[in-house]
């Protein structure tokens, strides 16, 4: 199975260029969330993404419970919003109607019961299954996915060179962040070479 890769937590030109050269289809930028070591300000996000060619990859703003003012600031600089907060399906529809942006809704999965949330987000364009602590880079428990009946979703949660082969058995769409870092928030470009051989 060939993978569609989203590289998340990008903050600088070298890492972005490496992600593009690697062939990532989605470039993720954590925005306005100071708890994350990968955080960039809305204005930095706009500056970074406005210097990227439109056809290279989808630009994704990773947000937690954003208000309309924040979305309005970045709306012309990204293709997707990836929502990691308590956003309801109604809020997702509201955002889409107001701003005409694609939405990836992140669902925090700790137990098998959490998978029931999947059916609650019919207005999202895509889903991302992640561990509960967005900023702590916990490893996803792949065993929870054995009985999942959803056909297409992004999978995140500590995906790295040691578990990427297992992750791709469940979905072709992988979200990689901490697995490409030498320390929290610092992308290690050499690690991309290992993924290229995987």
N, C-alpha and C. Protein backbone atom coordinates (compact mmCIF):
# COMPACT_ATOMS: atom_id res chain seq x y z
N UNK A 1 0.84 -1.19 0.00
CA UNK A 1 0.00 0.00 0.00
C UNK A 1 0.88 1.25 0.00
N UNK A 2 0.69 2.12 -0.98
CA UNK A 2 1.45 3.37 -0.99
C UNK A 2 0.78 4.36 -0.05
N UNK A 3 1.58 5.21 0.56
CA UNK A 3 1.07 6.09 1.60
C UNK A 3 0.94 7.53 1.11
N UNK A 4 -0.08 8.20 1.62
CA UNK A 4 -0.21 9.65 1.50
C UNK A 4 0.29 10.24 2.81
N UNK A 5 1.30 11.08 2.72
CA UNK A 5 1.98 11.55 3.93
C UNK A 5 1.64 13.02 4.22
N UNK A 6 1.29 13.26 5.46
CA UNK A 6 1.17 14.63 5.98
C UNK A 6 2.28 14.80 7.02
N UNK A 7 3.13 15.78 6.79
CA UNK A 7 4.18 16.09 7.77
C UNK A 7 3.73 17.31 8.55
N UNK A 8 3.64 17.14 9.86
CA UNK A 8 3.05 18.15 10.71
C UNK A 8 4.09 18.78 11.63
N UNK A 9 3.77 19.98 12.11
CA UNK A 9 4.66 20.67 13.03
C UNK A 9 5.80 21.39 12.35
N UNK A 10 5.59 21.77 11.09
CA UNK A 10 6.64 22.47 10.34
C UNK A 10 6.72 23.92 10.79
N UNK A 11 7.96 24.44 10.85
CA UNK A 11 8.14 25.82 11.32
C UNK A 11 9.17 26.61 10.53
N UNK A 12 10.03 25.94 9.77
CA UNK A 12 11.10 26.67 9.09
C UNK A 12 11.26 26.19 7.65
N UNK A 13 11.91 27.00 6.86
CA UNK A 13 12.02 26.76 5.42
C UNK A 13 12.74 25.46 5.11
N UNK A 14 13.82 25.14 5.81
CA UNK A 14 14.57 23.92 5.51
C UNK A 14 13.70 22.69 5.70
N UNK A 15 12.95 22.66 6.78
CA UNK A 15 12.08 21.51 7.04
C UNK A 15 10.96 21.43 6.01
N UNK A 16 10.41 22.57 5.64
CA UNK A 16 9.35 22.59 4.64
C UNK A 16 9.88 22.11 3.29
N UNK A 17 11.03 22.61 2.88
CA UNK A 17 11.63 22.18 1.62
C UNK A 17 11.90 20.68 1.62
N UNK A 18 12.39 20.16 2.74
CA UNK A 18 12.66 18.73 2.84
C UNK A 18 11.38 17.93 2.74
N UNK A 19 10.32 18.41 3.38
CA UNK A 19 9.03 17.72 3.32
C UNK A 19 8.48 17.70 1.90
N UNK A 20 8.62 18.81 1.19
CA UNK A 20 8.16 18.88 -0.20
C UNK A 20 8.98 17.94 -1.08
N UNK A 21 10.28 17.96 -0.92
CA UNK A 21 11.15 17.08 -1.72
C UNK A 21 10.88 15.61 -1.42
N UNK A 22 10.50 15.32 -0.20
CA UNK A 22 10.15 13.96 0.20
C UNK A 22 8.89 13.48 -0.51
N UNK A 23 8.03 14.42 -0.86
CA UNK A 23 6.78 14.07 -1.53
C UNK A 23 5.56 14.14 -0.65
N UNK A 24 5.67 14.82 0.49
CA UNK A 24 4.50 14.98 1.37
C UNK A 24 3.39 15.69 0.62
N UNK A 25 2.18 15.17 0.73
CA UNK A 25 1.02 15.77 0.06
C UNK A 25 0.35 16.84 0.91
N UNK A 26 0.63 16.79 2.21
CA UNK A 26 0.04 17.76 3.14
C UNK A 26 1.15 18.30 4.04
N UNK A 27 1.16 19.62 4.23
CA UNK A 27 2.12 20.28 5.12
C UNK A 27 1.33 20.89 6.27
N UNK A 28 1.64 20.45 7.49
CA UNK A 28 0.87 20.88 8.65
C UNK A 28 1.60 21.89 9.51
N UNK A 29 0.87 22.91 9.96
CA UNK A 29 1.44 23.98 10.78
C UNK A 29 0.57 24.17 12.02
N UNK A 30 1.13 23.86 13.18
CA UNK A 30 0.42 24.07 14.44
C UNK A 30 0.37 25.57 14.71
N UNK A 31 -0.82 26.10 14.88
CA UNK A 31 -0.97 27.55 14.95
C UNK A 31 -1.73 27.98 16.19
N UNK A 32 -1.21 29.00 16.85
CA UNK A 32 -1.90 29.65 17.98
C UNK A 32 -2.18 28.67 19.12
N UNK A 33 -1.23 27.77 19.37
CA UNK A 33 -1.37 26.79 20.45
C UNK A 33 -0.04 26.72 21.20
N UNK A 34 0.20 27.65 22.12
CA UNK A 34 1.50 27.77 22.79
C UNK A 34 1.95 26.54 23.55
N UNK A 35 1.03 25.64 23.92
CA UNK A 35 1.42 24.43 24.64
C UNK A 35 2.31 23.53 23.78
N UNK A 36 2.21 23.67 22.48
CA UNK A 36 2.97 22.81 21.58
C UNK A 36 4.33 23.42 21.26
N UNK A 37 5.40 22.62 21.30
CA UNK A 37 6.72 23.12 20.89
C UNK A 37 6.80 23.39 19.39
N UNK A 38 5.77 23.02 18.66
CA UNK A 38 5.74 23.20 17.21
C UNK A 38 4.90 24.42 16.81
N UNK A 39 4.49 25.19 17.77
CA UNK A 39 3.57 26.30 17.54
C UNK A 39 4.18 27.43 16.72
N UNK A 40 3.37 27.99 15.82
CA UNK A 40 3.71 29.25 15.14
C UNK A 40 2.54 30.20 15.30
N UNK A 41 2.80 31.49 15.24
CA UNK A 41 1.74 32.48 15.34
C UNK A 41 0.94 32.51 14.04
N UNK A 42 -0.29 33.03 14.08
CA UNK A 42 -1.07 33.16 12.84
C UNK A 42 -0.33 33.96 11.77
N UNK A 43 0.39 34.99 12.18
CA UNK A 43 1.07 35.84 11.21
C UNK A 43 2.29 35.13 10.61
N UNK A 44 2.95 34.32 11.42
CA UNK A 44 4.06 33.52 10.90
C UNK A 44 3.53 32.47 9.93
N UNK A 45 2.40 31.87 10.25
CA UNK A 45 1.78 30.89 9.36
C UNK A 45 1.48 31.52 8.01
N UNK A 46 0.89 32.70 8.02
CA UNK A 46 0.57 33.39 6.77
C UNK A 46 1.84 33.69 5.99
N UNK A 47 2.86 34.16 6.67
CA UNK A 47 4.13 34.47 6.01
C UNK A 47 4.73 33.23 5.36
N UNK A 48 4.74 32.12 6.09
CA UNK A 48 5.33 30.88 5.57
C UNK A 48 4.55 30.37 4.37
N UNK A 49 3.25 30.23 4.53
CA UNK A 49 2.45 29.58 3.49
C UNK A 49 2.29 30.45 2.25
N UNK A 50 2.30 31.75 2.41
CA UNK A 50 2.17 32.62 1.24
C UNK A 50 3.40 32.56 0.34
N UNK A 51 4.49 32.03 0.84
CA UNK A 51 5.70 31.89 0.04
C UNK A 51 5.82 30.50 -0.59
N UNK A 52 4.79 29.68 -0.44
CA UNK A 52 4.80 28.34 -1.02
C UNK A 52 3.95 28.31 -2.28
N UNK A 53 4.42 27.63 -3.33
CA UNK A 53 3.60 27.48 -4.54
C UNK A 53 2.31 26.73 -4.22
N UNK A 54 1.21 27.13 -4.83
CA UNK A 54 -0.08 26.53 -4.53
C UNK A 54 -0.16 25.05 -4.89
N UNK A 55 0.55 24.65 -5.92
CA UNK A 55 0.39 23.29 -6.44
C UNK A 55 1.31 22.27 -5.80
N UNK A 56 2.16 22.68 -4.88
CA UNK A 56 3.16 21.77 -4.31
C UNK A 56 2.52 20.75 -3.38
N UNK A 57 1.75 21.22 -2.41
CA UNK A 57 1.11 20.36 -1.41
C UNK A 57 0.00 21.14 -0.75
N UNK A 58 -0.93 20.41 -0.13
CA UNK A 58 -1.98 21.08 0.63
C UNK A 58 -1.40 21.68 1.91
N UNK A 59 -1.81 22.89 2.23
CA UNK A 59 -1.35 23.57 3.43
C UNK A 59 -2.44 23.46 4.50
N UNK A 60 -2.04 22.96 5.66
CA UNK A 60 -3.00 22.64 6.72
C UNK A 60 -2.67 23.42 7.99
N UNK A 61 -3.63 24.18 8.49
CA UNK A 61 -3.49 24.85 9.78
C UNK A 61 -4.06 23.94 10.86
N UNK A 62 -3.23 23.59 11.83
CA UNK A 62 -3.65 22.72 12.94
C UNK A 62 -4.05 23.62 14.11
N UNK A 63 -5.33 23.57 14.47
CA UNK A 63 -5.90 24.53 15.41
C UNK A 63 -6.66 23.82 16.53
N UNK A 64 -6.80 24.52 17.65
CA UNK A 64 -7.58 24.02 18.79
C UNK A 64 -8.66 25.05 19.12
N UNK A 65 -9.91 24.68 18.89
CA UNK A 65 -11.05 25.56 19.18
C UNK A 65 -10.85 26.98 18.65
N UNK A 66 -10.59 27.14 17.37
CA UNK A 66 -10.33 28.49 16.84
C UNK A 66 -11.61 29.33 16.78
N UNK A 67 -11.46 30.63 17.03
CA UNK A 67 -12.60 31.52 16.84
C UNK A 67 -12.59 32.04 15.40
N UNK A 68 -13.65 32.72 15.03
CA UNK A 68 -13.77 33.19 13.65
C UNK A 68 -12.68 34.19 13.29
N UNK A 69 -12.24 34.97 14.27
CA UNK A 69 -11.20 35.95 14.00
C UNK A 69 -9.90 35.31 13.57
N UNK A 70 -9.52 34.24 14.25
CA UNK A 70 -8.29 33.52 13.89
C UNK A 70 -8.42 32.91 12.50
N UNK A 71 -9.54 32.27 12.25
CA UNK A 71 -9.74 31.64 10.94
C UNK A 71 -9.71 32.68 9.83
N UNK A 72 -10.32 33.82 10.09
CA UNK A 72 -10.35 34.89 9.08
C UNK A 72 -8.94 35.38 8.75
N UNK A 73 -8.06 35.38 9.75
CA UNK A 73 -6.69 35.83 9.55
C UNK A 73 -5.92 34.92 8.60
N UNK A 74 -6.18 33.63 8.66
CA UNK A 74 -5.37 32.66 7.91
C UNK A 74 -6.10 32.04 6.73
N UNK A 75 -7.37 32.36 6.53
CA UNK A 75 -8.22 31.62 5.59
C UNK A 75 -7.68 31.60 4.16
N UNK A 76 -7.01 32.65 3.74
CA UNK A 76 -6.52 32.71 2.36
C UNK A 76 -5.14 32.09 2.19
N UNK A 77 -4.60 31.56 3.27
CA UNK A 77 -3.23 31.04 3.24
C UNK A 77 -3.16 29.53 3.40
N UNK A 78 -4.30 28.88 3.63
CA UNK A 78 -4.31 27.43 3.84
C UNK A 78 -5.43 26.79 3.04
N UNK A 79 -5.30 25.47 2.86
CA UNK A 79 -6.32 24.69 2.15
C UNK A 79 -7.23 23.93 3.10
N UNK A 80 -6.68 23.55 4.24
CA UNK A 80 -7.41 22.76 5.23
C UNK A 80 -7.23 23.37 6.62
N UNK A 81 -8.26 23.21 7.46
CA UNK A 81 -8.12 23.38 8.89
C UNK A 81 -8.18 22.00 9.53
N UNK A 82 -7.24 21.70 10.40
CA UNK A 82 -7.27 20.45 11.15
C UNK A 82 -7.62 20.82 12.59
N UNK A 83 -8.77 20.38 13.05
CA UNK A 83 -9.32 20.83 14.32
C UNK A 83 -9.10 19.80 15.42
N UNK A 84 -8.44 20.22 16.49
CA UNK A 84 -8.07 19.31 17.58
C UNK A 84 -8.78 19.61 18.89
N UNK A 85 -9.75 20.50 18.88
CA UNK A 85 -10.41 20.87 20.12
C UNK A 85 -11.75 20.19 20.32
N UNK A 86 -12.66 20.91 20.94
CA UNK A 86 -13.98 20.35 21.26
C UNK A 86 -15.02 20.75 20.22
N UNK A 87 -14.57 21.02 19.01
CA UNK A 87 -15.47 21.45 17.94
C UNK A 87 -16.54 20.39 17.68
N UNK A 88 -17.79 20.83 17.61
CA UNK A 88 -18.88 19.92 17.29
C UNK A 88 -19.05 19.82 15.78
N UNK A 89 -19.87 18.88 15.34
CA UNK A 89 -20.14 18.75 13.92
C UNK A 89 -20.86 20.00 13.40
N UNK A 90 -21.68 20.61 14.24
CA UNK A 90 -22.37 21.84 13.86
C UNK A 90 -21.37 22.98 13.67
N UNK A 91 -20.38 23.05 14.55
CA UNK A 91 -19.34 24.09 14.40
C UNK A 91 -18.54 23.87 13.13
N UNK A 92 -18.25 22.64 12.80
CA UNK A 92 -17.53 22.33 11.57
C UNK A 92 -18.32 22.83 10.36
N UNK A 93 -19.61 22.56 10.34
CA UNK A 93 -20.46 23.03 9.23
C UNK A 93 -20.48 24.56 9.18
N UNK A 94 -20.54 25.19 10.34
CA UNK A 94 -20.53 26.65 10.42
C UNK A 94 -19.25 27.22 9.82
N UNK A 95 -18.12 26.63 10.15
CA UNK A 95 -16.83 27.09 9.61
C UNK A 95 -16.79 26.92 8.09
N UNK A 96 -17.26 25.78 7.61
CA UNK A 96 -17.23 25.53 6.18
C UNK A 96 -18.10 26.53 5.41
N UNK A 97 -19.24 26.83 5.98
CA UNK A 97 -20.15 27.78 5.31
C UNK A 97 -19.57 29.20 5.31
N UNK A 98 -18.94 29.58 6.40
CA UNK A 98 -18.41 30.94 6.51
C UNK A 98 -17.13 31.15 5.71
N UNK A 99 -16.27 30.12 5.70
CA UNK A 99 -14.92 30.33 5.19
C UNK A 99 -14.55 29.46 3.99
N UNK A 100 -15.43 28.55 3.61
CA UNK A 100 -15.20 27.70 2.43
C UNK A 100 -13.85 26.98 2.49
N UNK A 101 -13.56 26.41 3.66
CA UNK A 101 -12.33 25.66 3.85
C UNK A 101 -12.64 24.19 4.11
N UNK A 102 -11.72 23.33 3.69
CA UNK A 102 -11.84 21.91 4.00
C UNK A 102 -11.46 21.66 5.46
N UNK A 103 -12.13 20.70 6.08
CA UNK A 103 -11.92 20.43 7.50
C UNK A 103 -11.48 18.99 7.72
N UNK A 104 -10.38 18.84 8.45
CA UNK A 104 -9.97 17.55 9.00
C UNK A 104 -10.26 17.61 10.49
N UNK A 105 -11.10 16.73 10.98
CA UNK A 105 -11.41 16.72 12.41
C UNK A 105 -10.58 15.63 13.10
N UNK A 106 -9.80 16.04 14.08
CA UNK A 106 -9.01 15.09 14.86
C UNK A 106 -9.86 14.52 15.98
N UNK A 107 -9.79 13.20 16.13
CA UNK A 107 -10.52 12.51 17.19
C UNK A 107 -9.50 11.85 18.11
N UNK A 108 -9.61 12.13 19.39
CA UNK A 108 -8.66 11.58 20.37
C UNK A 108 -9.10 10.18 20.77
N UNK A 109 -8.20 9.23 20.55
CA UNK A 109 -8.52 7.82 20.80
C UNK A 109 -7.63 7.28 21.91
N UNK A 110 -8.25 6.88 23.00
CA UNK A 110 -7.53 6.24 24.09
C UNK A 110 -8.03 4.83 24.33
N UNK A 111 -9.34 4.62 24.15
CA UNK A 111 -9.94 3.30 24.31
C UNK A 111 -10.79 2.99 23.09
N UNK A 112 -11.21 1.75 22.96
CA UNK A 112 -12.03 1.35 21.82
C UNK A 112 -13.35 2.12 21.80
N UNK A 113 -13.85 2.48 22.97
CA UNK A 113 -15.11 3.23 23.05
C UNK A 113 -14.99 4.59 22.37
N UNK A 114 -13.80 5.15 22.35
CA UNK A 114 -13.60 6.47 21.72
C UNK A 114 -13.85 6.43 20.22
N UNK A 115 -13.74 5.26 19.63
CA UNK A 115 -13.95 5.13 18.18
C UNK A 115 -15.39 5.45 17.79
N UNK A 116 -16.31 5.40 18.75
CA UNK A 116 -17.71 5.70 18.45
C UNK A 116 -17.89 7.15 18.02
N UNK A 117 -16.93 8.00 18.36
CA UNK A 117 -17.01 9.41 17.96
C UNK A 117 -16.95 9.60 16.45
N UNK A 118 -16.40 8.62 15.77
CA UNK A 118 -16.21 8.73 14.32
C UNK A 118 -17.51 9.08 13.61
N UNK A 119 -18.60 8.47 14.05
CA UNK A 119 -19.89 8.68 13.38
C UNK A 119 -20.49 10.05 13.67
N UNK A 120 -19.88 10.80 14.58
CA UNK A 120 -20.45 12.09 14.99
C UNK A 120 -20.05 13.25 14.09
N UNK A 121 -19.11 13.01 13.18
CA UNK A 121 -18.55 14.12 12.40
C UNK A 121 -18.80 13.93 10.91
N UNK A 122 -20.06 14.04 10.54
CA UNK A 122 -20.43 13.83 9.14
C UNK A 122 -20.08 15.03 8.26
N UNK A 123 -19.86 16.18 8.86
CA UNK A 123 -19.57 17.39 8.07
C UNK A 123 -18.08 17.58 7.80
N UNK A 124 -17.24 16.82 8.46
CA UNK A 124 -15.80 16.91 8.22
C UNK A 124 -15.45 16.29 6.87
N UNK A 125 -14.47 16.87 6.19
CA UNK A 125 -14.03 16.33 4.92
C UNK A 125 -13.13 15.11 5.11
N UNK A 126 -12.48 15.05 6.25
CA UNK A 126 -11.63 13.91 6.57
C UNK A 126 -11.49 13.84 8.09
N UNK A 127 -11.06 12.68 8.56
CA UNK A 127 -10.85 12.48 9.99
C UNK A 127 -9.39 12.11 10.24
N UNK A 128 -8.92 12.45 11.43
CA UNK A 128 -7.58 12.08 11.86
C UNK A 128 -7.70 11.45 13.24
N UNK A 129 -7.24 10.23 13.37
CA UNK A 129 -7.26 9.54 14.66
C UNK A 129 -5.91 9.75 15.33
N UNK A 130 -5.96 10.25 16.56
CA UNK A 130 -4.74 10.64 17.26
C UNK A 130 -4.83 10.22 18.72
N UNK A 131 -3.70 10.32 19.41
CA UNK A 131 -3.68 10.07 20.85
C UNK A 131 -4.23 11.30 21.58
N UNK A 132 -4.62 11.15 22.84
CA UNK A 132 -5.28 12.26 23.54
C UNK A 132 -4.44 13.52 23.70
N UNK A 133 -3.14 13.38 23.93
CA UNK A 133 -2.31 14.55 24.22
C UNK A 133 -1.58 15.00 22.97
N UNK A 134 -2.10 16.00 22.30
CA UNK A 134 -1.56 16.48 21.03
C UNK A 134 -0.11 16.92 21.15
N UNK A 135 0.25 17.54 22.28
CA UNK A 135 1.59 18.11 22.40
C UNK A 135 2.61 17.15 23.00
N UNK A 136 2.17 15.93 23.41
CA UNK A 136 3.09 15.03 24.11
C UNK A 136 3.63 13.89 23.27
N UNK A 137 3.16 13.74 22.04
CA UNK A 137 3.69 12.75 21.10
C UNK A 137 3.61 11.32 21.64
N UNK A 138 2.44 10.96 22.17
CA UNK A 138 2.24 9.61 22.65
C UNK A 138 2.11 8.65 21.47
N UNK A 139 2.46 7.38 21.72
CA UNK A 139 2.33 6.36 20.68
C UNK A 139 0.88 5.88 20.60
N UNK A 140 0.37 5.77 19.38
CA UNK A 140 -0.98 5.28 19.16
C UNK A 140 -1.02 3.77 19.40
N UNK A 141 -2.08 3.31 20.04
CA UNK A 141 -2.29 1.88 20.26
C UNK A 141 -3.00 1.31 19.03
N UNK A 142 -2.24 0.75 18.12
CA UNK A 142 -2.80 0.26 16.86
C UNK A 142 -3.80 -0.87 17.07
N UNK A 143 -3.71 -1.59 18.17
CA UNK A 143 -4.65 -2.68 18.43
C UNK A 143 -6.09 -2.20 18.49
N UNK A 144 -6.29 -0.93 18.81
CA UNK A 144 -7.64 -0.39 18.89
C UNK A 144 -8.31 -0.31 17.52
N UNK A 145 -7.53 -0.41 16.46
CA UNK A 145 -8.06 -0.22 15.11
C UNK A 145 -8.49 -1.52 14.45
N UNK A 146 -8.31 -2.63 15.12
CA UNK A 146 -8.59 -3.93 14.51
C UNK A 146 -10.03 -4.06 14.03
N UNK A 147 -10.97 -3.46 14.74
CA UNK A 147 -12.38 -3.60 14.39
C UNK A 147 -13.00 -2.31 13.85
N UNK A 148 -12.14 -1.42 13.36
CA UNK A 148 -12.64 -0.15 12.84
C UNK A 148 -13.24 -0.35 11.45
N UNK A 149 -14.44 0.21 11.24
CA UNK A 149 -15.09 0.03 9.94
C UNK A 149 -15.01 1.26 9.05
N UNK A 150 -14.26 2.27 9.49
CA UNK A 150 -14.07 3.46 8.66
C UNK A 150 -13.02 3.15 7.59
N UNK A 151 -13.30 3.56 6.36
CA UNK A 151 -12.44 3.15 5.24
C UNK A 151 -11.29 4.11 4.97
N UNK A 152 -11.44 5.37 5.36
CA UNK A 152 -10.41 6.34 5.02
C UNK A 152 -10.23 7.34 6.15
N UNK A 153 -9.00 7.46 6.63
CA UNK A 153 -8.72 8.41 7.71
C UNK A 153 -7.21 8.60 7.81
N UNK A 154 -6.81 9.73 8.37
CA UNK A 154 -5.41 9.94 8.72
C UNK A 154 -5.14 9.30 10.07
N UNK A 155 -3.95 8.77 10.23
CA UNK A 155 -3.54 8.19 11.50
C UNK A 155 -2.31 8.93 12.00
N UNK A 156 -2.36 9.39 13.25
CA UNK A 156 -1.25 10.09 13.88
C UNK A 156 -0.95 9.42 15.21
N UNK A 157 -0.02 10.00 15.95
CA UNK A 157 0.28 9.48 17.28
C UNK A 157 1.61 8.76 17.35
N UNK A 158 2.69 9.52 17.28
CA UNK A 158 4.01 8.94 17.47
C UNK A 158 4.47 8.01 16.36
N UNK A 159 3.97 8.19 15.15
CA UNK A 159 4.41 7.34 14.04
C UNK A 159 5.87 7.64 13.73
N UNK A 160 6.67 6.58 13.68
CA UNK A 160 8.11 6.74 13.46
C UNK A 160 8.63 5.60 12.60
N UNK A 161 9.92 5.57 12.41
CA UNK A 161 10.51 4.58 11.51
C UNK A 161 10.30 3.16 12.01
N UNK A 162 10.11 2.98 13.32
CA UNK A 162 9.94 1.65 13.89
C UNK A 162 8.53 1.11 13.73
N UNK A 163 7.54 1.98 13.61
CA UNK A 163 6.16 1.49 13.56
C UNK A 163 5.40 1.89 12.29
N UNK A 164 6.06 2.57 11.36
CA UNK A 164 5.37 3.04 10.17
C UNK A 164 4.83 1.88 9.34
N UNK A 165 5.55 0.77 9.29
CA UNK A 165 5.08 -0.39 8.51
C UNK A 165 3.81 -0.96 9.11
N UNK A 166 3.70 -0.93 10.43
CA UNK A 166 2.48 -1.41 11.08
C UNK A 166 1.33 -0.42 10.86
N UNK A 167 1.62 0.87 10.96
CA UNK A 167 0.58 1.89 10.80
C UNK A 167 -0.07 1.82 9.44
N UNK A 168 0.72 1.58 8.41
CA UNK A 168 0.19 1.61 7.05
C UNK A 168 -0.69 0.40 6.74
N UNK A 169 -0.71 -0.59 7.62
CA UNK A 169 -1.62 -1.72 7.45
C UNK A 169 -3.07 -1.30 7.70
N UNK A 170 -3.26 -0.20 8.43
CA UNK A 170 -4.60 0.23 8.80
C UNK A 170 -5.14 1.34 7.90
N UNK A 171 -4.27 2.18 7.38
CA UNK A 171 -4.70 3.28 6.53
C UNK A 171 -3.54 3.73 5.65
N UNK A 172 -3.87 4.27 4.50
CA UNK A 172 -2.81 4.75 3.60
C UNK A 172 -2.43 6.19 3.88
N UNK A 173 -3.11 6.83 4.85
CA UNK A 173 -2.87 8.25 5.13
C UNK A 173 -2.23 8.41 6.51
N UNK A 174 -0.98 8.83 6.52
CA UNK A 174 -0.22 8.93 7.76
C UNK A 174 0.16 10.37 8.06
N UNK A 175 0.03 10.74 9.32
CA UNK A 175 0.41 12.06 9.81
C UNK A 175 1.64 11.89 10.69
N UNK A 176 2.77 12.42 10.24
CA UNK A 176 4.04 12.21 10.94
C UNK A 176 4.54 13.55 11.47
N UNK A 177 4.91 13.57 12.75
CA UNK A 177 5.42 14.81 13.35
C UNK A 177 6.62 14.51 14.22
N UNK A 178 6.38 14.02 15.43
CA UNK A 178 7.49 13.77 16.37
C UNK A 178 8.45 12.71 15.85
N UNK A 179 7.97 11.81 14.99
CA UNK A 179 8.82 10.77 14.44
C UNK A 179 9.89 11.28 13.50
N UNK A 180 9.83 12.58 13.20
CA UNK A 180 10.84 13.21 12.34
C UNK A 180 11.67 14.24 13.11
N UNK A 181 11.68 14.13 14.44
CA UNK A 181 12.34 15.16 15.23
C UNK A 181 13.52 14.63 16.04
N UNK A 182 14.51 15.48 16.19
CA UNK A 182 15.65 15.17 17.06
C UNK A 182 15.36 15.59 18.49
N UNK A 183 14.46 16.56 18.65
CA UNK A 183 13.94 17.00 19.93
C UNK A 183 12.60 17.67 19.65
N UNK A 184 11.74 17.82 20.66
CA UNK A 184 10.41 18.37 20.39
C UNK A 184 10.45 19.70 19.64
N UNK A 185 9.79 19.71 18.48
CA UNK A 185 9.70 20.92 17.68
C UNK A 185 10.82 21.13 16.69
N UNK A 186 11.84 20.26 16.71
CA UNK A 186 12.99 20.41 15.81
C UNK A 186 13.03 19.23 14.85
N UNK A 187 12.72 19.48 13.58
CA UNK A 187 12.70 18.43 12.58
C UNK A 187 14.13 18.00 12.24
N UNK A 188 14.34 16.69 12.17
CA UNK A 188 15.63 16.11 11.79
C UNK A 188 15.51 15.66 10.34
N UNK A 189 16.06 16.43 9.44
CA UNK A 189 15.87 16.17 8.02
C UNK A 189 16.46 14.84 7.59
N UNK A 190 17.47 14.36 8.30
CA UNK A 190 18.08 13.08 7.95
C UNK A 190 17.10 11.93 8.14
N UNK A 191 16.16 12.08 9.06
CA UNK A 191 15.21 10.99 9.32
C UNK A 191 14.30 10.73 8.13
N UNK A 192 14.09 11.75 7.29
CA UNK A 192 13.27 11.54 6.10
C UNK A 192 13.86 10.47 5.20
N UNK A 193 15.17 10.34 5.20
CA UNK A 193 15.82 9.35 4.34
C UNK A 193 15.44 7.93 4.75
N UNK A 194 15.24 7.72 6.05
CA UNK A 194 14.83 6.40 6.51
C UNK A 194 13.42 6.08 6.04
N UNK A 195 12.52 7.07 6.06
CA UNK A 195 11.16 6.85 5.59
C UNK A 195 11.14 6.56 4.10
N UNK A 196 12.00 7.19 3.36
CA UNK A 196 12.05 6.97 1.92
C UNK A 196 12.39 5.53 1.59
N UNK A 197 13.13 4.88 2.49
CA UNK A 197 13.52 3.49 2.25
C UNK A 197 12.53 2.49 2.85
N UNK A 198 11.55 2.99 3.59
CA UNK A 198 10.60 2.11 4.28
C UNK A 198 9.48 1.66 3.35
